[in-house]
Amino acid sequence: MNQPFHNTGFMLRLLLKRDGLKYLFWLLGLLIYAASGVGKLELAVTTATKQSMYALFNGPALVSLFGPTSVSDWQHFTAAAAFGGLMPLTTGLVFSIITMIYVINRTRKEEDEGITELLRSFQIGKLSNTLSVVLELFCLQVILTFALALSIQLQHALGMTHFSQNLLFASSITSQSVMWGMIALLFSQLFPEASPAKGASIGFFGLLYIIRMGTDIKDIALSWFNPLSWSYLTGVYVKNNWLPILYTLLFAAVMLVIALVLEIRRDVAVGYLPQSKARAHAGYFLSTFQGLVLRLQRISALGWVFGLFVLGLTYGSMISKIGTLVGGNSNTNHLLQKELQITQGSNQMVMKQQFLSTIYVVLALIATCFAITLLNKMVSEERHQRQEQLYALPNSRFSVYLTYVLSAFGLGTLAQLGGILGIYVAQAGQKNAVSFSAMIKGGLPFVIGIWFVLGILCLLIAFLPRFSNAIWVYVGLSFFLSMIGPILDLPQGMLKLNVFDWIMKTNSAPNTLNTPSLFVLVFLTLIMIALGFVAYKKRDIISG
């Protein structure tokens, strides 16, 4: 059609009906994740602990993880300032990634599946579907902004009673979702398929996160050139600067315009980046189902492993400073020791090992995300009716199930090893460096936590395949309990909901495995895999 936006309103109505339930889960997830820590921080930041908490939030460890605080001195540090410094980046990280995946699934992935071509055979403009996704995303984020601001307002927390400030806090999160959605839309034009577009989008996000870790510590002025940093440079509840929100939305608008221009100039189901030329005949490995699965994941696997290796390098460079960072008996150091799970009075080597245990959990959580995307491929291929073609060949359900499970387990473990190797390389030349064998002993057992999460996913795929993405709820909870839980001083019973909290025995004795718990976790994982296979073998193939 000559009208690229024809029937955009019609497409928007279809999307709103189609994704209504997802909006509800999106809203509940954001409210639970972002607004739940208000009361806990009020208890943590008191008159007695104000100076210590300010030094903690202004230290390099927390700055590298969450961004710097906007408060210039401890007298003005409040629970509101702590909340505004802690939550925008962490919440934005989770929900921006969700937005990127959603946008690519609704645009490039539908091109891969032939849905876009079918729509264009009717009176639908070439850009109508894309614009309807953008409008839908924008409307959703506006609703989420006011809902989150109102939920914080109703808690009547000290220093968080002005609705305009709560609106700024919510906007700092939702505007990032809009921006990263537009960045993902741009990548979906460049790449010919959805999978590499997702990998490039998340990889670009990870690159900017690593860059901001350095600029926030060395020179905060440089962080203004990083779009990811605009989430916390608002200085919400302190400076209340709306300028970063304006920058974020303007950048999103530029990305949108570029993406639309690129899309209208290309054919359906093609991209701008050239595809590598394939061989005329497949080798033996590629001609097998197992080889095909691994081949399709090779680019994604390389990206995730390399990303974790770089993240390991970043954290490894901090190890030599851990003694000066948390040593001493001040309240500040006690708080930082609690966050990094380091025991007071430990010697330098023990402190390093305890710090590394915290980093291993971070790496394991990221590796878990990678492994989940691999195993979820089994459901996505089934829903798109490609599994039927496999079963028309001499492939049993057992071989298909086992191939996806083993590839997810193996590549998830490889990703964790990549992060451990990065840490080792970064600190190998330092005085009293931790040996590689010690790192393997301390970091590799956390893959059991990855396997356990995959075991839960096996059950979801077998019994509730259409709701397999519910596993992300547990991953988000584990991330929250691992990163925010120690700061909020949550009860042990709640912290134990995180499977990675069961791996090591005690913080005072790093590298001491909680052997009974590990055996139980491995046993439960095997049971879940077996039950998953039995149910998967008996259920019908789903589609759509």
Protein backbone atom coordinates (compact mmCIF):
# COMPACT_ATOMS: atom_id res chain seq x y z
CA MET A 1 0.00 0.00 0.00
CA ASN A 2 1.00 3.61 -0.55
CA GLN A 3 -0.21 4.52 2.95
CA PRO A 4 2.36 3.01 5.36
CA PHE A 5 0.27 3.71 8.49
CA HIS A 6 -3.11 2.62 7.16
CA ASN A 7 -5.27 0.78 9.73
CA THR A 8 -2.81 1.37 12.58
CA GLY A 9 -5.75 1.89 14.95
CA PHE A 10 -7.21 -1.47 13.97
CA MET A 11 -3.88 -3.20 14.60
CA LEU A 12 -3.57 -1.44 17.96
CA ARG A 13 -6.98 -2.72 19.08
CA LEU A 14 -5.99 -6.26 18.13
CA LEU A 15 -2.77 -6.00 20.14
CA LEU A 16 -4.58 -4.64 23.19
CA LYS A 17 -7.01 -7.58 23.13
CA ARG A 18 -4.22 -10.06 22.48
CA ASP A 19 -1.85 -8.93 25.25
CA GLY A 20 -4.27 -7.89 28.00
CA LEU A 21 -3.19 -10.63 30.43
CA LYS A 22 0.48 -9.82 29.86
CA TYR A 23 -0.17 -6.21 30.85
CA LEU A 24 -1.62 -7.35 34.15
CA PHE A 25 1.42 -9.49 34.98
CA TRP A 26 3.69 -6.66 33.82
CA LEU A 27 1.94 -4.22 36.16
CA LEU A 28 1.95 -6.57 39.15
CA GLY A 29 5.60 -7.46 38.59
CA LEU A 30 6.67 -3.83 38.45
CA LEU A 31 4.72 -2.86 41.57
CA ILE A 32 6.01 -5.82 43.57
CA TYR A 33 9.59 -5.37 42.41
CA ALA A 34 9.96 -1.58 42.54
CA ALA A 35 7.67 -0.47 45.36
CA SER A 36 8.23 -3.25 47.91
CA GLY A 37 11.46 -1.93 49.41
CA VAL A 38 10.19 1.44 50.63
CA GLY A 39 9.32 0.36 54.17
CA LYS A 40 12.48 -1.72 54.63
CA LEU A 41 14.74 1.19 53.71
CA GLU A 42 12.91 3.40 56.20
CA LEU A 43 13.93 0.94 58.90
CA ALA A 44 17.51 0.67 57.60
CA VAL A 45 18.25 4.40 57.23
CA THR A 46 17.78 5.89 60.70
CA THR A 47 19.39 8.80 62.50
CA ALA A 48 21.92 6.41 64.04
CA THR A 49 22.88 4.74 60.77
CA LYS A 50 22.56 7.71 58.40
CA GLN A 51 26.30 8.44 58.18
CA SER A 52 27.19 4.79 57.76
CA MET A 53 24.56 4.20 55.10
CA TYR A 54 25.70 7.26 53.17
CA ALA A 55 29.28 5.99 53.10
CA LEU A 56 28.01 2.57 52.04
CA PHE A 57 25.98 3.93 49.13
CA ASN A 58 28.83 6.24 48.13
CA GLY A 59 31.43 3.43 48.13
CA PRO A 60 32.78 1.97 44.90
CA ALA A 61 31.16 -1.44 45.39
CA LEU A 62 27.56 -0.19 45.44
CA VAL A 63 28.26 2.61 42.97
CA SER A 64 29.46 0.05 40.42
CA LEU A 65 26.33 -2.04 40.95
CA PHE A 66 23.57 0.55 41.32
CA GLY A 67 25.01 3.95 40.41
CA PRO A 68 26.10 6.90 42.59
CA THR A 69 23.97 8.69 45.16
CA SER A 70 22.97 12.29 44.48
CA VAL A 71 23.41 13.39 48.09
CA SER A 72 26.54 15.49 48.72
CA ASP A 73 26.83 14.89 52.48
CA TRP A 74 25.57 12.39 55.01
CA GLN A 75 23.42 14.89 56.93
CA HIS A 76 20.99 15.02 54.00
CA PHE A 77 20.98 11.29 53.33
CA THR A 78 17.51 9.78 53.83
CA ALA A 79 15.64 6.57 53.14
CA ALA A 80 14.08 8.31 50.14
CA ALA A 81 17.53 9.17 48.76
CA ALA A 82 18.65 5.57 49.30
CA PHE A 83 15.55 4.25 47.53
CA GLY A 84 16.01 6.68 44.65
CA GLY A 85 19.65 5.68 44.26
CA LEU A 86 19.13 1.94 44.58
CA MET A 87 16.03 1.06 42.59
CA PRO A 88 16.00 2.92 39.22
CA LEU A 89 18.90 1.03 37.64
CA THR A 90 18.07 -2.43 39.02
CA THR A 91 14.38 -2.16 38.15
CA GLY A 92 15.14 -0.58 34.80
CA LEU A 93 17.55 -3.42 34.02
CA VAL A 94 14.93 -6.13 34.52
CA PHE A 95 12.01 -4.43 32.79
CA SER A 96 14.05 -2.98 29.93
CA ILE A 97 15.17 -6.48 28.98
CA ILE A 98 11.55 -7.66 29.16
CA THR A 99 10.56 -4.77 26.89
CA MET A 100 13.29 -5.55 24.36
CA ILE A 101 12.20 -9.18 24.12
CA TYR A 102 8.56 -8.15 23.81
CA VAL A 103 9.17 -5.61 21.02
CA ILE A 104 11.28 -8.01 18.97
CA ASN A 105 8.73 -10.81 19.43
CA ARG A 106 5.95 -8.55 18.16
CA THR A 107 7.92 -7.25 15.16
CA ARG A 108 10.87 -9.19 13.77
CA LYS A 109 9.77 -12.55 15.14
CA GLU A 110 6.35 -12.20 13.50
CA GLU A 111 8.16 -11.50 10.23
CA ASP A 112 10.15 -14.72 10.68
CA GLU A 113 6.91 -16.65 11.18
CA GLY A 114 5.19 -15.17 8.12
CA ILE A 115 2.53 -13.31 10.14
CA THR A 116 3.63 -9.88 8.90
CA GLU A 117 3.48 -10.96 5.27
CA LEU A 118 -0.02 -12.32 5.84
CA LEU A 119 -1.16 -9.03 7.40
CA ARG A 120 0.23 -7.00 4.53
CA SER A 121 -1.87 -9.01 2.11
CA PHE A 122 -4.86 -7.15 3.59
CA GLN A 123 -5.50 -3.41 3.81
CA ILE A 124 -2.71 -2.95 6.36
CA GLY A 125 0.04 -0.37 5.91
CA LYS A 126 3.66 -1.45 5.79
CA LEU A 127 4.46 0.28 9.10
CA SER A 128 1.08 -0.19 10.78
CA ASN A 129 2.07 -3.23 12.83
CA THR A 130 5.31 -1.64 14.02
CA LEU A 131 3.65 1.66 14.90
CA SER A 132 0.85 -0.12 16.75
CA VAL A 133 3.44 -1.97 18.86
CA VAL A 134 5.15 1.35 19.64
CA LEU A 135 1.86 3.03 20.58
CA GLU A 136 0.87 0.03 22.69
CA LEU A 137 4.21 0.08 24.50
CA PHE A 138 4.01 3.82 25.10
CA CYS A 139 0.46 3.64 26.47
CA LEU A 140 1.40 0.74 28.72
CA GLN A 141 4.40 2.59 30.12
CA VAL A 142 2.29 5.69 30.82
CA ILE A 143 -0.15 3.54 32.80
CA LEU A 144 2.72 1.83 34.63
CA THR A 145 4.25 5.22 35.45
CA PHE A 146 1.15 6.53 37.20
CA ALA A 147 0.40 3.18 38.87
CA LEU A 148 3.91 2.91 40.32
CA ALA A 149 3.95 6.54 41.44
CA LEU A 150 0.56 6.12 43.10
CA SER A 151 1.60 2.90 44.87
CA ILE A 152 4.59 4.70 46.42
CA GLN A 153 2.46 7.72 47.27
CA LEU A 154 -0.05 5.60 49.17
CA GLN A 155 2.69 4.20 51.43
CA HIS A 156 3.24 7.68 52.94
CA ALA A 157 6.96 7.05 53.39
CA LEU A 158 9.05 9.84 54.88
CA GLY A 159 10.51 12.03 52.13
CA MET A 160 8.39 10.36 49.45
CA THR A 161 5.09 12.19 49.87
CA HIS A 162 5.35 14.54 46.87
CA PHE A 163 3.57 12.99 43.92
CA SER A 164 5.78 14.81 41.42
CA GLN A 165 8.88 13.14 42.90
CA ASN A 166 7.23 9.72 42.88
CA LEU A 167 6.22 10.38 39.29
CA LEU A 168 9.84 11.18 38.45
CA PHE A 169 10.98 7.93 40.06
CA ALA A 170 8.46 5.91 38.06
CA SER A 171 9.32 7.81 34.88
CA SER A 172 13.01 7.04 35.31
CA ILE A 173 12.13 3.34 35.03
CA THR A 174 9.40 3.39 32.39
CA SER A 175 11.21 5.85 30.11
CA GLN A 176 14.15 3.44 30.04
CA SER A 177 11.75 0.69 28.97
CA VAL A 178 10.49 2.88 26.12
CA MET A 179 14.03 3.77 25.04
CA TRP A 180 15.32 0.20 25.08
CA GLY A 181 12.21 -0.93 23.26
CA MET A 182 13.07 1.49 20.46
CA ILE A 183 16.70 0.35 20.47
CA ALA A 184 15.49 -3.24 20.12
CA LEU A 185 13.22 -2.12 17.27
CA LEU A 186 16.26 -0.65 15.50
CA PHE A 187 18.25 -3.86 15.93
CA SER A 188 15.29 -5.83 14.59
CA GLN A 189 15.63 -3.89 11.32
CA LEU A 190 19.36 -4.53 11.05
CA PHE A 191 19.30 -8.28 11.67
CA PRO A 192 17.47 -10.75 9.42
CA GLU A 193 16.10 -12.85 12.29
CA ALA A 194 14.69 -12.34 15.78
CA SER A 195 17.29 -14.38 17.66
CA PRO A 196 20.38 -12.33 16.68
CA ALA A 197 18.36 -9.13 17.13
CA LYS A 198 17.62 -10.12 20.73
CA GLY A 199 21.24 -11.08 21.33
CA ALA A 200 22.52 -7.79 19.91
CA SER A 201 20.02 -5.73 21.93
CA ILE A 202 20.81 -7.43 25.23
CA GLY A 203 24.53 -7.41 24.39
CA PHE A 204 24.44 -3.66 23.75
CA PHE A 205 22.62 -3.21 27.05
CA GLY A 206 25.30 -5.24 28.85
CA LEU A 207 28.07 -3.24 27.18
CA LEU A 208 26.61 0.07 28.37
CA TYR A 209 26.17 -1.38 31.86
CA ILE A 210 29.83 -2.36 32.04
CA ILE A 211 30.90 1.05 30.70
CA ARG A 212 28.85 2.87 33.32
CA MET A 213 30.45 0.80 36.08
CA GLY A 214 33.75 2.47 35.18
CA THR A 215 32.50 5.99 34.51
CA ASP A 216 30.41 6.14 37.69
CA ILE A 217 33.48 5.42 39.79
CA LYS A 218 36.07 7.46 37.87
CA ASP A 219 34.13 10.44 36.51
CA ILE A 220 30.37 10.75 36.85
CA ALA A 221 30.33 13.48 34.19
CA LEU A 222 31.13 10.84 31.56
CA SER A 223 28.03 8.88 32.57
CA TRP A 224 25.87 11.62 31.06
CA PHE A 225 26.93 10.29 27.64
CA ASN A 226 25.56 6.83 28.53
CA PRO A 227 21.80 6.41 27.90
CA LEU A 228 21.59 3.71 30.57
CA SER A 229 22.87 6.13 33.22
CA TRP A 230 19.98 8.53 32.63
CA SER A 231 17.82 6.27 34.81
CA TYR A 232 19.55 7.36 38.03
CA LEU A 233 21.03 10.73 37.02
CA THR A 234 17.61 12.22 37.72
CA GLY A 235 18.70 12.34 41.37
CA VAL A 236 15.14 11.52 42.36
CA TYR A 237 14.10 12.57 45.91
CA VAL A 238 17.23 14.76 46.05
CA LYS A 239 17.84 16.91 42.95
CA ASN A 240 14.69 15.86 41.07
CA ASN A 241 16.12 16.59 37.65
CA TRP A 242 13.70 15.85 34.78
CA LEU A 243 16.33 16.54 32.12
CA PRO A 244 17.53 12.88 31.88
CA ILE A 245 13.92 11.82 31.25
CA LEU A 246 13.77 14.30 28.37
CA TYR A 247 17.07 12.96 27.01
CA THR A 248 15.75 9.41 27.26
CA LEU A 249 12.53 10.14 25.39
CA LEU A 250 14.33 12.19 22.72
CA PHE A 251 16.83 9.38 22.19
CA ALA A 252 13.94 6.91 21.97
CA ALA A 253 12.25 9.12 19.37
CA VAL A 254 15.43 9.23 17.28
CA MET A 255 15.76 5.44 17.45
CA LEU A 256 12.11 5.09 16.41
CA VAL A 257 12.47 7.38 13.40
CA ILE A 258 15.60 5.56 12.22
CA ALA A 259 13.91 2.17 12.69
CA LEU A 260 10.83 3.23 10.71
CA VAL A 261 12.95 4.64 7.87
CA LEU A 262 14.94 1.41 7.71
CA GLU A 263 11.84 -0.76 7.78
CA ILE A 264 10.00 1.06 4.99
CA ARG A 265 13.05 0.72 2.72
CA ARG A 266 13.51 -3.03 3.13
CA ASP A 267 11.59 -6.09 2.07
CA VAL A 268 9.74 -8.25 4.54
CA ALA A 269 11.77 -10.93 6.39
CA VAL A 270 15.18 -9.48 5.41
CA GLY A 271 17.69 -7.31 7.24
CA TYR A 272 20.48 -4.89 6.43
CA LEU A 273 23.33 -6.93 7.82
CA PRO A 274 24.45 -9.62 5.35
CA GLN A 275 23.95 -13.24 6.24
CA SER A 276 26.92 -15.55 6.09
CA LYS A 277 27.04 -17.84 3.09
CA ALA A 278 26.16 -21.42 3.90
CA ARG A 279 27.80 -24.51 2.49
CA ALA A 280 26.04 -26.39 -0.28
CA HIS A 281 26.02 -29.59 1.79
CA ALA A 282 25.80 -29.95 5.55
CA GLY A 283 28.46 -31.86 7.42
CA TYR A 284 27.68 -34.89 9.54
CA PHE A 285 27.37 -32.90 12.77
CA LEU A 286 24.91 -30.40 11.28
CA SER A 287 22.86 -33.18 9.68
CA THR A 288 21.96 -34.51 13.14
CA PHE A 289 19.23 -32.97 15.30
CA GLN A 290 21.66 -32.42 18.17
CA GLY A 291 24.10 -30.64 15.87
CA LEU A 292 21.34 -28.46 14.44
CA VAL A 293 20.22 -27.31 17.90
CA LEU A 294 23.77 -26.39 18.92
CA ARG A 295 24.46 -24.71 15.58
CA LEU A 296 21.41 -22.48 15.92
CA GLN A 297 22.59 -21.39 19.38
CA ARG A 298 26.25 -20.82 18.60
CA ILE A 299 26.12 -17.01 18.09
CA SER A 300 23.93 -16.51 21.14
CA ALA A 301 26.16 -18.80 23.23
CA LEU A 302 29.34 -17.01 22.18
CA GLY A 303 27.79 -13.64 23.02
CA TRP A 304 26.63 -14.69 26.49
CA VAL A 305 29.88 -16.46 27.39
CA PHE A 306 31.96 -13.52 26.18
CA GLY A 307 29.71 -11.08 28.04
CA LEU A 308 30.12 -13.00 31.29
CA PHE A 309 33.86 -13.18 30.70
CA VAL A 310 34.01 -9.38 30.38
CA LEU A 311 31.84 -8.96 33.47
CA GLY A 312 34.20 -11.30 35.31
CA LEU A 313 37.13 -9.13 34.22
CA THR A 314 35.37 -6.08 35.65
CA TYR A 315 34.70 -7.66 39.03
CA GLY A 316 38.11 -9.33 39.13
CA SER A 317 39.81 -5.95 38.90
CA MET A 318 38.14 -4.97 42.20
CA ILE A 319 39.49 -7.90 44.22
CA SER A 320 42.78 -6.25 45.19
CA LYS A 321 40.85 -3.36 46.78
CA ILE A 322 38.48 -5.46 48.82
CA GLY A 323 40.59 -5.27 51.98
CA THR A 324 40.68 -1.48 52.09
CA LEU A 325 37.06 -1.32 51.00
CA VAL A 326 35.52 -3.35 53.83
CA GLY A 327 38.24 -3.51 56.45
CA GLY A 328 37.78 -1.89 59.83
CA ASN A 329 35.08 -1.78 62.46
CA SER A 330 33.01 1.29 61.52
CA ASN A 331 29.27 1.08 60.99
CA THR A 332 29.88 1.75 57.31
CA ASN A 333 32.12 -1.26 56.96
CA HIS A 334 29.69 -3.43 58.91
CA LEU A 335 26.95 -2.53 56.43
CA LEU A 336 29.16 -3.17 53.43
CA GLN A 337 30.29 -6.46 54.95
CA LYS A 338 26.61 -7.40 55.22
CA GLU A 339 25.90 -6.48 51.58
CA LEU A 340 28.95 -8.35 50.24
CA GLN A 341 28.48 -11.11 52.86
CA ILE A 342 31.98 -10.67 54.28
CA THR A 343 32.78 -11.56 57.88
CA GLN A 344 34.26 -8.91 60.16
CA GLY A 345 37.87 -9.54 61.11
CA SER A 346 38.59 -11.98 58.31
CA ASN A 347 42.06 -12.09 56.82
CA GLN A 348 42.67 -10.78 53.31
CA MET A 349 42.40 -14.14 51.56
CA VAL A 350 39.18 -15.11 53.32
CA MET A 351 37.68 -11.70 52.54
CA LYS A 352 38.53 -12.20 48.87
CA GLN A 353 36.84 -15.59 48.86
CA GLN A 354 33.73 -14.20 50.56
CA PHE A 355 33.55 -11.32 48.08
CA LEU A 356 33.94 -13.79 45.24
CA SER A 357 31.04 -15.88 46.56
CA THR A 358 28.77 -12.86 46.10
CA ILE A 359 30.08 -12.32 42.56
CA TYR A 360 29.61 -15.99 41.72
CA VAL A 361 25.91 -15.62 42.53
CA VAL A 362 25.64 -12.62 40.19
CA LEU A 363 27.32 -14.58 37.40
CA ALA A 364 25.11 -17.61 38.07
CA LEU A 365 21.94 -15.51 37.85
CA ILE A 366 23.00 -14.12 34.47
CA ALA A 367 24.01 -17.59 33.26
CA THR A 368 20.59 -18.82 34.41
CA CYS A 369 18.90 -16.27 32.14
CA PHE A 370 20.94 -17.58 29.21
CA ALA A 371 20.14 -21.22 30.00
CA ILE A 372 16.42 -20.46 30.28
CA THR A 373 16.35 -18.90 26.82
CA LEU A 374 17.96 -22.07 25.44
CA LEU A 375 15.52 -24.48 27.08
CA ASN A 376 12.53 -22.30 26.22
CA LYS A 377 13.42 -22.83 22.56
CA MET A 378 11.78 -26.24 22.86
CA VAL A 379 8.43 -24.58 23.57
CA SER A 380 8.79 -21.82 20.98
CA GLU A 381 9.67 -24.34 18.26
CA GLU A 382 6.69 -26.44 19.29
CA ARG A 383 4.27 -23.51 19.28
CA HIS A 384 5.38 -22.61 15.77
CA GLN A 385 4.68 -26.16 14.59
CA ARG A 386 8.27 -26.97 13.75
CA GLN A 387 8.41 -29.90 16.17
CA GLU A 388 5.89 -31.78 14.03
CA GLN A 389 8.43 -31.83 11.22
CA LEU A 390 11.02 -33.28 13.60
CA TYR A 391 8.73 -36.08 14.72
CA ALA A 392 7.99 -36.93 11.09
CA LEU A 393 11.65 -38.00 10.99
CA PRO A 394 13.18 -40.77 13.14
CA ASN A 395 13.38 -38.52 16.23
CA SER A 396 11.84 -39.67 19.50
CA ARG A 397 10.42 -37.31 22.09
CA PHE A 398 13.11 -38.53 24.44
CA SER A 399 15.92 -37.45 22.10
CA VAL A 400 14.33 -34.04 21.46
CA TYR A 401 13.67 -33.42 25.16
CA LEU A 402 17.12 -34.63 26.22
CA THR A 403 18.88 -32.57 23.53
CA TYR A 404 17.35 -29.31 24.67
CA VAL A 405 17.83 -30.11 28.36
CA LEU A 406 21.48 -31.12 27.99
CA SER A 407 22.30 -28.15 25.75
CA ALA A 408 20.77 -25.76 28.29
CA PHE A 409 22.57 -27.44 31.20
CA GLY A 410 25.90 -27.61 29.35
CA LEU A 411 25.94 -24.11 27.86
CA GLY A 412 24.67 -22.60 31.13
CA THR A 413 27.61 -24.24 32.89
CA LEU A 414 29.97 -22.97 30.19
CA ALA A 415 28.68 -19.43 30.70
CA GLN A 416 29.39 -19.65 34.43
CA LEU A 417 32.90 -20.91 33.64
CA GLY A 418 33.39 -17.94 31.31
CA GLY A 419 32.64 -15.53 34.15
CA ILE A 420 34.96 -17.39 36.54
CA LEU A 421 37.74 -17.33 33.96
CA GLY A 422 37.29 -13.58 33.54
CA ILE A 423 37.69 -13.02 37.28
CA TYR A 424 40.80 -15.18 37.37
CA VAL A 425 42.46 -13.43 34.41
CA ALA A 426 41.79 -9.97 35.91
CA GLN A 427 43.38 -10.77 39.27
CA ALA A 428 46.03 -13.31 38.23
CA GLY A 429 48.83 -10.73 38.28
CA GLN A 430 47.89 -9.30 41.67
CA LYS A 431 49.72 -10.05 44.88
CA ASN A 432 48.32 -13.10 46.68
CA ALA A 433 46.10 -13.89 43.70
CA VAL A 434 43.41 -16.54 44.13
CA SER A 435 44.32 -19.72 42.25
CA PHE A 436 42.17 -20.95 39.39
CA SER A 437 41.47 -24.22 41.19
CA ALA A 438 40.19 -22.28 44.21
CA MET A 439 37.92 -20.24 41.95
CA ILE A 440 36.57 -23.37 40.29
CA LYS A 441 35.95 -24.87 43.72
CA GLY A 442 34.12 -21.74 44.86
CA GLY A 443 32.26 -20.75 41.70
CA LEU A 444 31.39 -23.92 39.82
CA PRO A 445 29.02 -25.38 42.47
CA PHE A 446 26.63 -22.51 41.76
CA VAL A 447 25.76 -24.23 38.48
CA ILE A 448 23.68 -26.59 40.62
CA GLY A 449 21.43 -23.59 41.29
CA ILE A 450 21.21 -23.03 37.53
CA TRP A 451 20.28 -26.68 37.02
CA PHE A 452 17.60 -26.47 39.71
CA VAL A 453 15.94 -23.50 37.99
CA LEU A 454 16.07 -25.40 34.70
CA GLY A 455 14.44 -28.35 36.46
CA ILE A 456 11.51 -26.12 37.42
CA LEU A 457 11.33 -24.97 33.80
CA CYS A 458 11.20 -28.61 32.66
CA LEU A 459 8.06 -29.08 34.76
CA LEU A 460 6.49 -25.93 33.33
CA ILE A 461 7.27 -27.03 29.77
CA ALA A 462 5.75 -30.44 30.44
CA PHE A 463 2.63 -29.46 32.39
CA LEU A 464 2.02 -25.78 31.51
CA PRO A 465 3.90 -25.14 28.26
CA ARG A 466 2.01 -21.95 27.48
CA PHE A 467 3.11 -20.51 30.82
CA SER A 468 6.76 -21.54 30.65
CA ASN A 469 7.79 -17.88 30.80
CA ALA A 470 6.52 -17.81 34.39
CA ILE A 471 10.02 -19.04 35.32
CA TRP A 472 11.18 -15.44 34.94
CA VAL A 473 9.17 -14.56 38.04
CA TYR A 474 11.36 -16.86 40.13
CA VAL A 475 14.53 -15.56 38.47
CA GLY A 476 13.47 -11.99 39.24
CA LEU A 477 12.77 -12.96 42.85
CA SER A 478 16.19 -14.62 43.15
CA PHE A 479 17.85 -11.54 41.67
CA PHE A 480 16.02 -9.31 44.16
CA LEU A 481 16.88 -11.50 47.16
CA SER A 482 20.54 -11.79 46.10
CA MET A 483 21.17 -8.12 45.30
CA ILE A 484 18.75 -6.20 47.51
CA GLY A 485 17.98 -8.69 50.27
CA PRO A 486 21.15 -8.16 52.36
CA ILE A 487 20.70 -4.37 52.30
CA LEU A 488 17.07 -4.61 53.41
CA ASP A 489 18.05 -7.15 56.09
CA LEU A 490 15.29 -9.52 55.03
CA PRO A 491 14.57 -12.54 57.27
CA GLN A 492 16.49 -15.73 56.55
CA GLY A 493 13.31 -17.58 55.71
CA MET A 494 12.67 -15.22 52.82
CA LEU A 495 16.30 -15.27 51.66
CA LYS A 496 16.16 -19.07 51.52
CA LEU A 497 13.59 -18.79 48.73
CA ASN A 498 16.63 -18.08 46.57
CA VAL A 499 18.12 -21.42 45.52
CA PHE A 500 21.61 -19.91 45.29
CA ASP A 501 21.48 -19.22 49.02
CA TRP A 502 21.66 -22.99 49.65
CA ILE A 503 24.94 -23.65 47.82
CA MET A 504 27.58 -22.68 50.39
CA LYS A 505 27.49 -23.63 54.05
CA THR A 506 28.41 -20.36 55.77
CA ASN A 507 29.78 -16.97 54.80
CA SER A 508 32.52 -17.23 57.43
CA ALA A 509 33.87 -20.35 55.74
CA PRO A 510 33.95 -19.64 51.99
CA ASN A 511 34.33 -22.55 49.60
CA THR A 512 32.72 -24.82 52.21
CA LEU A 513 29.97 -26.56 50.31
CA ASN A 514 26.62 -27.18 51.95
CA THR A 515 26.89 -30.80 50.88
CA PRO A 516 23.53 -32.08 52.19
CA SER A 517 21.70 -29.23 50.48
CA LEU A 518 23.59 -29.81 47.23
CA PHE A 519 22.64 -33.49 47.20
CA VAL A 520 19.02 -32.55 47.82
CA LEU A 521 19.10 -29.94 45.03
CA VAL A 522 20.66 -32.38 42.56
CA PHE A 523 18.16 -35.08 43.53
CA LEU A 524 15.20 -32.70 43.15
CA THR A 525 16.56 -31.51 39.80
CA LEU A 526 16.79 -35.07 38.49
CA ILE A 527 13.27 -35.80 39.74
CA MET A 528 11.91 -32.69 38.02
CA ILE A 529 13.67 -33.59 34.75
CA ALA A 530 12.29 -37.15 34.89
CA LEU A 531 8.75 -36.00 35.73
CA GLY A 532 9.01 -33.41 33.00
CA PHE A 533 9.92 -36.03 30.43
CA VAL A 534 7.09 -38.36 31.46
CA ALA A 535 4.54 -35.56 31.19
CA TYR A 536 6.07 -34.19 27.97
CA LYS A 537 5.91 -37.62 26.36
CA LYS A 538 2.21 -38.02 27.19
CA ARG A 539 0.89 -34.54 26.38
CA ASP A 540 -0.22 -33.31 22.98
CA ILE A 541 1.89 -30.95 20.90
CA ILE A 542 0.72 -27.38 21.29
CA SER A 543 0.57 -24.74 18.59
CA GLY A 544 0.03 -21.00 18.44
